[in-house]
Amino acid sequence: MLAAGDSSRLGRSKQFLEIDGTPLLYSAVREAVVSRVDHVEVVLGYEFKRHATLIDDFFNICVVKNDEWERGFGSSLKHGMENLLQRYPGLEWVMISVCDQPELNSQVYNQLITAAKDERAPILAARYADDKIGTPAVFHKSYFNSLLSDEGIEDFNQLLESLRPISQFIDFPRGYVNIDTMEDYVEYQNYAEAFHF
């Protein structure tokens, strides 16, 4: 799970934004922990110690510090992959997720895990209601090298779109909802309140 950025568009740390009284980062990690994911790794960077305290209740995760978080998404992805492969050199699959999708839950993770076992595609990704694809996404080890290069990986969803022809998908209709700006946050809070989440 990549959560190293400084939320510059939001103007404050999105990791601390509360959804139903729980910080966004905490909720995101909790859903990964209760899923069938074998090893949960969280990459932090900006205000590392402050963000790490949010998830120090979870003893079964690995927190990775990316001191080069300002270089962007690709840098955090590379740091995370290097750490995972050092700890688990026989790793066959890796799932990439982010912390700012408030409707991402353990069921979505589990659907991807099931699909990875059943399908022969090297990449499985979430497909949103607007037919765009994005996180979370699962990669077979044959594509690990592409994830270890931080060159040009600024928009992960664009990378996935370029790999669409060789990918399979699970439906995650509201996966397009993420919290990038204060407007996003207010809109989602209003939506959640209207539907009594």
N, C-alpha and C. Protein backbone atom coordinates (compact mmCIF):
# COMPACT_ATOMS: atom_id res chain seq x y z
N MET A 1 0.84 -1.18 0.00
CA MET A 1 0.00 0.00 0.00
C MET A 1 0.88 1.24 0.00
N LEU A 2 0.62 2.12 -0.96
CA LEU A 2 1.43 3.31 -1.10
C LEU A 2 0.72 4.50 -0.46
N ALA A 3 1.39 5.13 0.51
CA ALA A 3 0.78 6.23 1.25
C ALA A 3 1.85 7.23 1.68
N ALA A 4 2.78 7.52 0.78
CA ALA A 4 3.96 8.30 1.14
C ALA A 4 3.86 9.78 0.83
N GLY A 5 2.85 10.19 0.07
CA GLY A 5 2.80 11.56 -0.41
C GLY A 5 2.39 12.59 0.62
N ASP A 6 2.51 13.86 0.21
CA ASP A 6 2.22 14.97 1.13
C ASP A 6 0.84 15.59 0.90
N SER A 7 0.03 14.97 0.03
CA SER A 7 -1.34 15.44 -0.22
C SER A 7 -1.35 16.92 -0.59
N SER A 8 -0.48 17.31 -1.51
CA SER A 8 -0.31 18.73 -1.83
C SER A 8 -1.59 19.37 -2.38
N ARG A 9 -2.38 18.62 -3.13
CA ARG A 9 -3.62 19.17 -3.68
C ARG A 9 -4.67 19.38 -2.60
N LEU A 10 -4.58 18.60 -1.55
CA LEU A 10 -5.54 18.71 -0.46
C LEU A 10 -5.21 19.86 0.49
N GLY A 11 -3.89 20.08 0.67
CA GLY A 11 -3.46 21.13 1.58
C GLY A 11 -3.26 20.67 3.01
N ARG A 12 -3.49 19.40 3.26
CA ARG A 12 -3.25 18.78 4.56
C ARG A 12 -3.13 17.28 4.34
N SER A 13 -2.70 16.58 5.35
CA SER A 13 -2.45 15.15 5.20
C SER A 13 -3.76 14.37 5.04
N LYS A 14 -3.94 13.76 3.88
CA LYS A 14 -5.16 12.97 3.67
C LYS A 14 -5.19 11.74 4.56
N GLN A 15 -4.00 11.26 4.95
CA GLN A 15 -3.95 10.07 5.78
C GLN A 15 -4.71 10.25 7.09
N PHE A 16 -4.80 11.50 7.56
CA PHE A 16 -5.47 11.78 8.82
C PHE A 16 -6.95 12.14 8.66
N LEU A 17 -7.41 12.34 7.43
CA LEU A 17 -8.82 12.67 7.24
C LEU A 17 -9.69 11.54 7.76
N GLU A 18 -10.74 11.88 8.45
CA GLU A 18 -11.59 10.85 9.05
C GLU A 18 -12.80 10.54 8.19
N ILE A 19 -13.03 9.25 8.02
CA ILE A 19 -14.24 8.75 7.38
C ILE A 19 -14.98 7.95 8.46
N ASP A 20 -16.16 8.40 8.80
CA ASP A 20 -16.94 7.75 9.86
C ASP A 20 -16.13 7.65 11.15
N GLY A 21 -15.36 8.70 11.46
CA GLY A 21 -14.63 8.77 12.72
C GLY A 21 -13.30 8.05 12.75
N THR A 22 -12.88 7.49 11.59
CA THR A 22 -11.63 6.72 11.55
C THR A 22 -10.71 7.33 10.49
N PRO A 23 -9.42 7.56 10.83
CA PRO A 23 -8.49 8.11 9.83
C PRO A 23 -8.42 7.24 8.58
N LEU A 24 -8.34 7.89 7.44
CA LEU A 24 -8.34 7.21 6.15
C LEU A 24 -7.25 6.14 6.06
N LEU A 25 -6.04 6.46 6.51
CA LEU A 25 -4.95 5.49 6.44
C LEU A 25 -5.23 4.28 7.30
N TYR A 26 -5.75 4.50 8.50
CA TYR A 26 -6.05 3.39 9.41
C TYR A 26 -7.08 2.46 8.77
N SER A 27 -8.14 3.04 8.22
CA SER A 27 -9.19 2.23 7.59
C SER A 27 -8.64 1.42 6.43
N ALA A 28 -7.79 2.05 5.63
CA ALA A 28 -7.23 1.37 4.46
C ALA A 28 -6.38 0.17 4.88
N VAL A 29 -5.54 0.37 5.88
CA VAL A 29 -4.68 -0.72 6.35
C VAL A 29 -5.52 -1.83 6.99
N ARG A 30 -6.52 -1.44 7.76
CA ARG A 30 -7.38 -2.44 8.41
C ARG A 30 -8.03 -3.36 7.39
N GLU A 31 -8.53 -2.79 6.29
CA GLU A 31 -9.18 -3.61 5.28
C GLU A 31 -8.21 -4.58 4.62
N ALA A 32 -6.97 -4.15 4.44
CA ALA A 32 -5.96 -5.05 3.88
C ALA A 32 -5.61 -6.17 4.86
N VAL A 33 -5.51 -5.82 6.13
CA VAL A 33 -5.13 -6.79 7.16
C VAL A 33 -6.18 -7.88 7.32
N VAL A 34 -7.46 -7.52 7.23
CA VAL A 34 -8.52 -8.53 7.44
C VAL A 34 -8.83 -9.30 6.16
N SER A 35 -8.19 -8.93 5.05
CA SER A 35 -8.39 -9.66 3.80
C SER A 35 -7.50 -10.90 3.76
N ARG A 36 -7.50 -11.57 2.62
CA ARG A 36 -6.67 -12.77 2.46
C ARG A 36 -5.29 -12.45 1.92
N VAL A 37 -4.91 -11.17 1.90
CA VAL A 37 -3.55 -10.79 1.51
C VAL A 37 -2.56 -11.40 2.50
N ASP A 38 -1.51 -12.05 1.99
CA ASP A 38 -0.56 -12.74 2.87
C ASP A 38 0.32 -11.80 3.69
N HIS A 39 0.86 -10.78 3.04
CA HIS A 39 1.80 -9.88 3.70
C HIS A 39 1.42 -8.43 3.35
N VAL A 40 1.12 -7.65 4.37
CA VAL A 40 0.74 -6.26 4.14
C VAL A 40 1.93 -5.35 4.41
N GLU A 41 2.28 -4.57 3.42
CA GLU A 41 3.38 -3.62 3.52
C GLU A 41 2.84 -2.23 3.20
N VAL A 42 3.21 -1.26 4.02
CA VAL A 42 2.76 0.12 3.83
C VAL A 42 3.97 1.01 3.64
N VAL A 43 4.01 1.74 2.52
CA VAL A 43 5.12 2.63 2.23
C VAL A 43 4.71 4.06 2.64
N LEU A 44 5.46 4.61 3.58
CA LEU A 44 5.23 5.98 4.05
C LEU A 44 6.44 6.84 3.71
N GLY A 45 6.25 8.15 3.72
CA GLY A 45 7.37 9.05 3.42
C GLY A 45 7.22 10.37 4.13
N TYR A 46 6.37 11.24 3.59
CA TYR A 46 6.12 12.55 4.19
C TYR A 46 5.62 12.38 5.62
N GLU A 47 6.23 13.14 6.54
CA GLU A 47 5.87 13.07 7.96
C GLU A 47 5.76 11.61 8.42
N PHE A 48 6.82 10.88 8.17
CA PHE A 48 6.82 9.44 8.40
C PHE A 48 6.38 9.06 9.82
N LYS A 49 7.00 9.64 10.82
CA LYS A 49 6.69 9.23 12.20
C LYS A 49 5.24 9.51 12.55
N ARG A 50 4.76 10.67 12.12
CA ARG A 50 3.38 11.05 12.43
C ARG A 50 2.39 10.08 11.79
N HIS A 51 2.65 9.71 10.55
CA HIS A 51 1.74 8.79 9.87
C HIS A 51 1.89 7.37 10.41
N ALA A 52 3.11 6.99 10.77
CA ALA A 52 3.33 5.64 11.29
C ALA A 52 2.57 5.41 12.59
N THR A 53 2.41 6.48 13.39
CA THR A 53 1.67 6.31 14.66
C THR A 53 0.21 5.95 14.40
N LEU A 54 -0.31 6.33 13.25
CA LEU A 54 -1.71 6.01 12.94
C LEU A 54 -1.95 4.50 12.84
N ILE A 55 -0.92 3.76 12.45
CA ILE A 55 -1.11 2.33 12.19
C ILE A 55 -0.25 1.45 13.08
N ASP A 56 0.21 2.01 14.21
CA ASP A 56 1.08 1.20 15.07
C ASP A 56 0.31 0.16 15.88
N ASP A 57 -1.02 0.14 15.74
CA ASP A 57 -1.82 -0.92 16.36
C ASP A 57 -1.68 -2.24 15.62
N PHE A 58 -1.25 -2.16 14.36
CA PHE A 58 -1.17 -3.37 13.54
C PHE A 58 0.23 -3.97 13.66
N PHE A 59 0.31 -5.13 14.29
CA PHE A 59 1.62 -5.74 14.52
C PHE A 59 2.02 -6.68 13.39
N ASN A 60 1.08 -6.98 12.51
CA ASN A 60 1.33 -7.95 11.44
C ASN A 60 1.54 -7.28 10.09
N ILE A 61 2.02 -6.05 10.10
CA ILE A 61 2.32 -5.36 8.85
C ILE A 61 3.79 -4.91 8.87
N CYS A 62 4.28 -4.57 7.69
CA CYS A 62 5.63 -4.02 7.58
C CYS A 62 5.51 -2.59 7.07
N VAL A 63 6.10 -1.65 7.78
CA VAL A 63 6.07 -0.25 7.36
C VAL A 63 7.43 0.10 6.78
N VAL A 64 7.43 0.62 5.56
CA VAL A 64 8.65 0.96 4.84
C VAL A 64 8.74 2.48 4.72
N LYS A 65 9.91 3.02 4.99
CA LYS A 65 10.12 4.46 4.88
C LYS A 65 10.78 4.79 3.55
N ASN A 66 10.15 5.67 2.80
CA ASN A 66 10.73 6.15 1.55
C ASN A 66 11.19 7.59 1.74
N ASP A 67 12.48 7.78 1.92
CA ASP A 67 13.02 9.13 2.11
C ASP A 67 12.98 9.94 0.81
N GLU A 68 12.74 9.28 -0.30
CA GLU A 68 12.70 9.97 -1.58
C GLU A 68 11.26 10.12 -2.09
N TRP A 69 10.31 10.22 -1.18
CA TRP A 69 8.90 10.28 -1.53
C TRP A 69 8.58 11.44 -2.48
N GLU A 70 9.37 12.52 -2.41
CA GLU A 70 9.10 13.68 -3.27
C GLU A 70 9.30 13.37 -4.74
N ARG A 71 9.98 12.28 -5.05
CA ARG A 71 10.19 11.89 -6.44
C ARG A 71 8.92 11.30 -7.06
N GLY A 72 7.94 11.00 -6.23
CA GLY A 72 6.65 10.59 -6.76
C GLY A 72 6.31 9.12 -6.57
N PHE A 73 5.21 8.74 -7.20
CA PHE A 73 4.62 7.41 -7.06
C PHE A 73 5.63 6.30 -7.38
N GLY A 74 6.35 6.48 -8.48
CA GLY A 74 7.28 5.44 -8.91
C GLY A 74 8.36 5.15 -7.89
N SER A 75 8.81 6.19 -7.19
CA SER A 75 9.83 6.01 -6.17
C SER A 75 9.31 5.16 -5.02
N SER A 76 8.09 5.43 -4.57
CA SER A 76 7.51 4.65 -3.48
C SER A 76 7.23 3.22 -3.90
N LEU A 77 6.78 3.06 -5.13
CA LEU A 77 6.54 1.71 -5.65
C LEU A 77 7.84 0.91 -5.68
N LYS A 78 8.92 1.53 -6.15
CA LYS A 78 10.21 0.85 -6.21
C LYS A 78 10.70 0.48 -4.81
N HIS A 79 10.60 1.40 -3.85
CA HIS A 79 11.03 1.10 -2.48
C HIS A 79 10.22 -0.07 -1.91
N GLY A 80 8.93 -0.04 -2.14
CA GLY A 80 8.09 -1.11 -1.63
C GLY A 80 8.43 -2.46 -2.24
N MET A 81 8.62 -2.47 -3.55
CA MET A 81 8.94 -3.71 -4.24
C MET A 81 10.29 -4.27 -3.79
N GLU A 82 11.28 -3.40 -3.67
CA GLU A 82 12.61 -3.86 -3.24
C GLU A 82 12.54 -4.50 -1.85
N ASN A 83 11.80 -3.88 -0.96
CA ASN A 83 11.68 -4.43 0.39
C ASN A 83 10.94 -5.76 0.39
N LEU A 84 9.85 -5.84 -0.36
CA LEU A 84 9.10 -7.09 -0.43
C LEU A 84 9.94 -8.24 -0.97
N LEU A 85 10.68 -7.98 -2.03
CA LEU A 85 11.47 -9.03 -2.65
C LEU A 85 12.66 -9.43 -1.79
N GLN A 86 13.14 -8.51 -0.98
CA GLN A 86 14.21 -8.85 -0.05
C GLN A 86 13.68 -9.77 1.05
N ARG A 87 12.48 -9.49 1.51
CA ARG A 87 11.89 -10.30 2.58
C ARG A 87 11.32 -11.61 2.07
N TYR A 88 10.78 -11.58 0.85
CA TYR A 88 10.13 -12.76 0.28
C TYR A 88 10.63 -12.97 -1.15
N PRO A 89 11.84 -13.50 -1.30
CA PRO A 89 12.44 -13.63 -2.64
C PRO A 89 11.68 -14.57 -3.56
N GLY A 90 10.85 -15.42 -3.02
CA GLY A 90 10.08 -16.33 -3.86
C GLY A 90 8.70 -15.82 -4.21
N LEU A 91 8.46 -14.56 -3.99
CA LEU A 91 7.16 -13.96 -4.23
C LEU A 91 6.71 -14.15 -5.68
N GLU A 92 5.47 -14.58 -5.86
CA GLU A 92 4.94 -14.81 -7.21
C GLU A 92 4.00 -13.72 -7.68
N TRP A 93 3.29 -13.09 -6.74
CA TRP A 93 2.32 -12.05 -7.07
C TRP A 93 2.48 -10.89 -6.09
N VAL A 94 2.17 -9.71 -6.56
CA VAL A 94 2.13 -8.55 -5.67
C VAL A 94 0.89 -7.73 -6.00
N MET A 95 0.25 -7.21 -4.96
CA MET A 95 -0.91 -6.35 -5.14
C MET A 95 -0.52 -4.92 -4.79
N ILE A 96 -0.85 -3.99 -5.66
CA ILE A 96 -0.57 -2.57 -5.44
C ILE A 96 -1.87 -1.87 -5.08
N SER A 97 -1.85 -1.14 -3.96
CA SER A 97 -3.04 -0.38 -3.57
C SER A 97 -2.61 0.97 -3.02
N VAL A 98 -3.59 1.83 -2.79
CA VAL A 98 -3.34 3.16 -2.23
C VAL A 98 -4.28 3.37 -1.05
N CYS A 99 -4.07 4.45 -0.32
CA CYS A 99 -4.83 4.64 0.91
C CYS A 99 -6.00 5.60 0.77
N ASP A 100 -6.22 6.16 -0.42
CA ASP A 100 -7.21 7.23 -0.52
C ASP A 100 -8.47 6.85 -1.30
N GLN A 101 -8.77 5.55 -1.35
CA GLN A 101 -10.01 5.07 -1.95
C GLN A 101 -10.94 4.63 -0.81
N PRO A 102 -11.82 5.48 -0.35
CA PRO A 102 -12.59 5.18 0.86
C PRO A 102 -13.51 3.98 0.77
N GLU A 103 -13.83 3.54 -0.45
CA GLU A 103 -14.72 2.38 -0.57
C GLU A 103 -13.98 1.08 -0.88
N LEU A 104 -12.66 1.14 -0.85
CA LEU A 104 -11.86 -0.08 -1.02
C LEU A 104 -11.93 -0.89 0.27
N ASN A 105 -12.37 -2.13 0.14
CA ASN A 105 -12.51 -2.96 1.34
C ASN A 105 -11.93 -4.36 1.10
N SER A 106 -12.00 -5.17 2.12
CA SER A 106 -11.40 -6.50 2.06
C SER A 106 -12.04 -7.38 0.99
N GLN A 107 -13.32 -7.15 0.71
CA GLN A 107 -14.00 -7.93 -0.31
C GLN A 107 -13.36 -7.72 -1.69
N VAL A 108 -13.01 -6.48 -1.99
CA VAL A 108 -12.36 -6.18 -3.27
C VAL A 108 -11.00 -6.88 -3.33
N TYR A 109 -10.23 -6.79 -2.25
CA TYR A 109 -8.94 -7.48 -2.20
C TYR A 109 -9.13 -8.97 -2.44
N ASN A 110 -10.11 -9.55 -1.77
CA ASN A 110 -10.32 -11.00 -1.88
C ASN A 110 -10.76 -11.40 -3.28
N GLN A 111 -11.57 -10.57 -3.93
CA GLN A 111 -11.96 -10.86 -5.31
C GLN A 111 -10.75 -10.89 -6.23
N LEU A 112 -9.82 -9.96 -6.03
CA LEU A 112 -8.60 -9.94 -6.84
C LEU A 112 -7.74 -11.17 -6.59
N ILE A 113 -7.64 -11.57 -5.34
CA ILE A 113 -6.85 -12.76 -5.01
C ILE A 113 -7.44 -14.00 -5.66
N THR A 114 -8.75 -14.14 -5.59
CA THR A 114 -9.42 -15.28 -6.22
C THR A 114 -9.20 -15.26 -7.73
N ALA A 115 -9.34 -14.08 -8.33
CA ALA A 115 -9.15 -13.96 -9.78
C ALA A 115 -7.73 -14.29 -10.18
N ALA A 116 -6.76 -13.88 -9.36
CA ALA A 116 -5.35 -14.17 -9.68
C ALA A 116 -5.09 -15.67 -9.70
N LYS A 117 -5.81 -16.41 -8.87
CA LYS A 117 -5.63 -17.86 -8.84
C LYS A 117 -6.35 -18.55 -10.00
N ASP A 118 -7.46 -17.94 -10.45
CA ASP A 118 -8.28 -18.57 -11.48
C ASP A 118 -7.93 -18.17 -12.90
N GLU A 119 -7.45 -16.96 -13.08
CA GLU A 119 -7.18 -16.45 -14.42
C GLU A 119 -5.71 -16.70 -14.80
N ARG A 120 -5.47 -16.66 -16.10
CA ARG A 120 -4.10 -16.85 -16.58
C ARG A 120 -3.42 -15.55 -16.97
N ALA A 121 -4.12 -14.45 -16.80
CA ALA A 121 -3.55 -13.15 -17.15
C ALA A 121 -2.47 -12.76 -16.14
N PRO A 122 -1.42 -12.10 -16.59
CA PRO A 122 -0.34 -11.70 -15.68
C PRO A 122 -0.69 -10.47 -14.84
N ILE A 123 -1.76 -9.78 -15.20
CA ILE A 123 -2.16 -8.58 -14.46
C ILE A 123 -3.67 -8.61 -14.26
N LEU A 124 -4.09 -8.33 -13.04
CA LEU A 124 -5.51 -8.20 -12.73
C LEU A 124 -5.71 -6.86 -12.06
N ALA A 125 -6.71 -6.13 -12.51
CA ALA A 125 -6.93 -4.79 -11.99
C ALA A 125 -8.40 -4.55 -11.70
N ALA A 126 -8.65 -3.52 -10.90
CA ALA A 126 -10.03 -3.12 -10.63
C ALA A 126 -10.55 -2.30 -11.81
N ARG A 127 -11.80 -2.57 -12.19
CA ARG A 127 -12.44 -1.81 -13.26
C ARG A 127 -13.58 -0.99 -12.65
N TYR A 128 -13.52 0.31 -12.88
CA TYR A 128 -14.47 1.22 -12.26
C TYR A 128 -15.72 1.37 -13.13
N ALA A 129 -16.73 2.08 -12.59
CA ALA A 129 -18.00 2.26 -13.29
C ALA A 129 -17.84 2.99 -14.61
N ASP A 130 -16.83 3.86 -14.71
CA ASP A 130 -16.60 4.61 -15.95
C ASP A 130 -15.72 3.85 -16.94
N ASP A 131 -15.48 2.56 -16.66
CA ASP A 131 -14.69 1.64 -17.47
C ASP A 131 -13.18 1.91 -17.40
N LYS A 132 -12.78 2.88 -16.59
CA LYS A 132 -11.35 3.05 -16.35
C LYS A 132 -10.88 1.96 -15.42
N ILE A 133 -9.59 1.67 -15.48
CA ILE A 133 -9.03 0.65 -14.59
C ILE A 133 -7.99 1.30 -13.68
N GLY A 134 -7.80 0.68 -12.53
CA GLY A 134 -6.86 1.26 -11.57
C GLY A 134 -6.63 0.37 -10.38
N THR A 135 -6.19 0.98 -9.31
CA THR A 135 -5.90 0.24 -8.08
C THR A 135 -7.19 -0.18 -7.40
N PRO A 136 -7.09 -1.30 -6.66
CA PRO A 136 -5.92 -2.16 -6.52
C PRO A 136 -5.70 -3.02 -7.76
N ALA A 137 -4.45 -3.43 -7.93
CA ALA A 137 -4.09 -4.26 -9.07
C ALA A 137 -3.06 -5.29 -8.65
N VAL A 138 -3.12 -6.45 -9.29
CA VAL A 138 -2.22 -7.56 -8.97
C VAL A 138 -1.33 -7.84 -10.16
N PHE A 139 -0.02 -8.00 -9.89
CA PHE A 139 0.97 -8.27 -10.93
C PHE A 139 1.67 -9.60 -10.67
N HIS A 140 1.82 -10.38 -11.73
CA HIS A 140 2.61 -11.60 -11.66
C HIS A 140 4.10 -11.23 -11.65
N LYS A 141 4.92 -12.13 -11.15
CA LYS A 141 6.36 -11.86 -11.03
C LYS A 141 7.02 -11.55 -12.37
N SER A 142 6.42 -11.99 -13.46
CA SER A 142 6.99 -11.70 -14.78
C SER A 142 6.97 -10.21 -15.10
N TYR A 143 6.22 -9.43 -14.31
CA TYR A 143 6.16 -7.97 -14.52
C TYR A 143 6.79 -7.19 -13.37
N PHE A 144 7.48 -7.88 -12.47
CA PHE A 144 8.09 -7.18 -11.34
C PHE A 144 9.13 -6.16 -11.78
N ASN A 145 9.90 -6.49 -12.83
CA ASN A 145 10.95 -5.56 -13.26
C ASN A 145 10.38 -4.21 -13.67
N SER A 146 9.20 -4.23 -14.28
CA SER A 146 8.59 -2.96 -14.68
C SER A 146 8.17 -2.14 -13.47
N LEU A 147 7.88 -2.81 -12.36
CA LEU A 147 7.49 -2.10 -11.13
C LEU A 147 8.70 -1.61 -10.34
N LEU A 148 9.85 -2.18 -10.64
CA LEU A 148 11.08 -1.79 -9.94
C LEU A 148 11.76 -0.58 -10.57
N SER A 149 11.27 -0.16 -11.71
CA SER A 149 11.82 1.03 -12.36
C SER A 149 10.95 2.22 -12.06
N ASP A 150 11.51 3.21 -11.39
CA ASP A 150 10.70 4.39 -11.05
C ASP A 150 10.71 5.42 -12.17
N GLU A 151 11.32 5.09 -13.28
CA GLU A 151 11.35 6.02 -14.40
C GLU A 151 10.00 6.02 -15.13
N GLY A 152 9.36 7.16 -15.14
CA GLY A 152 8.14 7.30 -15.92
C GLY A 152 6.87 6.82 -15.27
N ILE A 153 6.95 6.22 -14.06
CA ILE A 153 5.73 5.78 -13.40
C ILE A 153 5.22 6.91 -12.52
N GLU A 154 4.58 7.87 -13.14
CA GLU A 154 4.00 8.97 -12.40
C GLU A 154 2.50 8.78 -12.20
N ASP A 155 1.87 8.13 -13.17
CA ASP A 155 0.44 7.86 -13.10
C ASP A 155 0.24 6.36 -13.25
N PHE A 156 -0.02 5.70 -12.14
CA PHE A 156 -0.13 4.24 -12.15
C PHE A 156 -1.31 3.78 -13.00
N ASN A 157 -2.40 4.53 -12.95
CA ASN A 157 -3.56 4.15 -13.74
C ASN A 157 -3.28 4.21 -15.23
N GLN A 158 -2.45 5.17 -15.65
CA GLN A 158 -2.06 5.22 -17.05
C GLN A 158 -1.22 4.01 -17.43
N LEU A 159 -0.34 3.59 -16.51
CA LEU A 159 0.45 2.39 -16.75
C LEU A 159 -0.47 1.19 -16.95
N LEU A 160 -1.48 1.09 -16.08
CA LEU A 160 -2.41 -0.03 -16.21
C LEU A 160 -3.18 0.03 -17.53
N GLU A 161 -3.59 1.23 -17.92
CA GLU A 161 -4.31 1.36 -19.19
C GLU A 161 -3.45 0.87 -20.35
N SER A 162 -2.15 1.14 -20.29
CA SER A 162 -1.26 0.69 -21.37
C SER A 162 -1.14 -0.83 -21.40
N LEU A 163 -1.44 -1.47 -20.26
CA LEU A 163 -1.34 -2.93 -20.16
C LEU A 163 -2.71 -3.61 -20.25
N ARG A 164 -3.75 -2.82 -20.55
CA ARG A 164 -5.11 -3.35 -20.59
C ARG A 164 -5.25 -4.59 -21.48
N PRO A 165 -4.61 -4.63 -22.67
CA PRO A 165 -4.81 -5.80 -23.55
C PRO A 165 -4.38 -7.13 -22.94
N ILE A 166 -3.49 -7.12 -21.98
CA ILE A 166 -3.04 -8.38 -21.39
C ILE A 166 -3.57 -8.57 -19.97
N SER A 167 -4.55 -7.76 -19.59
CA SER A 167 -5.06 -7.78 -18.22
C SER A 167 -6.46 -8.38 -18.14
N GLN A 168 -6.78 -8.84 -16.94
CA GLN A 168 -8.14 -9.23 -16.60
C GLN A 168 -8.62 -8.30 -15.50
N PHE A 169 -9.94 -8.30 -15.24
CA PHE A 169 -10.49 -7.30 -14.34
C PHE A 169 -11.52 -7.88 -13.38
N ILE A 170 -11.64 -7.21 -12.24
CA ILE A 170 -12.78 -7.45 -11.35
C ILE A 170 -13.50 -6.10 -11.23
N ASP A 171 -14.80 -6.14 -11.12
CA ASP A 171 -15.58 -4.91 -11.08
C ASP A 171 -15.56 -4.29 -9.68
N PHE A 172 -15.16 -3.04 -9.65
CA PHE A 172 -15.15 -2.22 -8.43
C PHE A 172 -15.76 -0.87 -8.84
N PRO A 173 -17.09 -0.83 -8.98
CA PRO A 173 -17.76 0.32 -9.60
C PRO A 173 -17.38 1.68 -9.02
N ARG A 174 -17.28 1.77 -7.69
CA ARG A 174 -16.98 3.08 -7.10
C ARG A 174 -15.51 3.24 -6.75
N GLY A 175 -14.68 2.47 -7.43
CA GLY A 175 -13.25 2.60 -7.22
C GLY A 175 -12.70 3.93 -7.72
N TYR A 176 -13.47 4.59 -8.59
CA TYR A 176 -13.02 5.89 -9.09
C TYR A 176 -13.06 6.97 -8.01
N VAL A 177 -13.73 6.69 -6.89
CA VAL A 177 -13.82 7.67 -5.81
C VAL A 177 -12.52 7.66 -5.02
N ASN A 178 -11.81 8.78 -5.05
CA ASN A 178 -10.63 8.90 -4.20
C ASN A 178 -10.59 10.32 -3.64
N ILE A 179 -9.80 10.49 -2.61
CA ILE A 179 -9.74 11.76 -1.91
C ILE A 179 -8.44 12.47 -2.27
N ASP A 180 -8.53 13.41 -3.21
CA ASP A 180 -7.35 14.17 -3.62
C ASP A 180 -7.44 15.63 -3.20
N THR A 181 -8.66 16.14 -3.07
CA THR A 181 -8.86 17.54 -2.72
C THR A 181 -9.88 17.64 -1.59
N MET A 182 -9.98 18.81 -0.98
CA MET A 182 -10.97 19.00 0.06
C MET A 182 -12.38 18.88 -0.51
N GLU A 183 -12.55 19.27 -1.77
CA GLU A 183 -13.85 19.11 -2.42
C GLU A 183 -14.23 17.64 -2.51
N ASP A 184 -13.25 16.79 -2.85
CA ASP A 184 -13.49 15.34 -2.89
C ASP A 184 -13.95 14.83 -1.53
N TYR A 185 -13.29 15.31 -0.50
CA TYR A 185 -13.59 14.86 0.86
C TYR A 185 -15.00 15.26 1.27
N VAL A 186 -15.34 16.52 1.05
CA VAL A 186 -16.67 17.01 1.42
C VAL A 186 -17.74 16.27 0.62
N GLU A 187 -17.49 16.10 -0.67
CA GLU A 187 -18.46 15.39 -1.51
C GLU A 187 -18.68 13.97 -1.02
N TYR A 188 -17.60 13.29 -0.67
CA TYR A 188 -17.75 11.92 -0.19
C TYR A 188 -18.45 11.88 1.16
N GLN A 189 -18.13 12.80 2.05
CA GLN A 189 -18.80 12.85 3.34
C GLN A 189 -20.30 13.05 3.16
N ASN A 190 -20.68 13.92 2.24
CA ASN A 190 -22.10 14.15 1.98
C ASN A 190 -22.76 12.91 1.40
N TYR A 191 -22.05 12.24 0.50
CA TYR A 191 -22.57 11.00 -0.09
C TYR A 191 -22.77 9.94 0.98
N ALA A 192 -21.75 9.76 1.82
CA ALA A 192 -21.82 8.73 2.86
C ALA A 192 -22.95 9.03 3.85
N GLU A 193 -23.11 10.29 4.18
CA GLU A 193 -24.17 10.67 5.10
C GLU A 193 -25.54 10.41 4.49
N ALA A 194 -25.69 10.72 3.21
CA ALA A 194 -26.97 10.52 2.53
C ALA A 194 -27.36 9.05 2.47
N PHE A 195 -26.34 8.18 2.34
CA PHE A 195 -26.61 6.74 2.25
C PHE A 195 -26.38 6.02 3.57
N HIS A 196 -26.16 6.81 4.63
CA HIS A 196 -26.04 6.28 6.00
C HIS A 196 -24.94 5.23 6.14
N PHE A 197 -23.74 5.52 5.56
CA PHE A 197 -22.61 4.60 5.72
C PHE A 197 -22.10 4.69 7.15
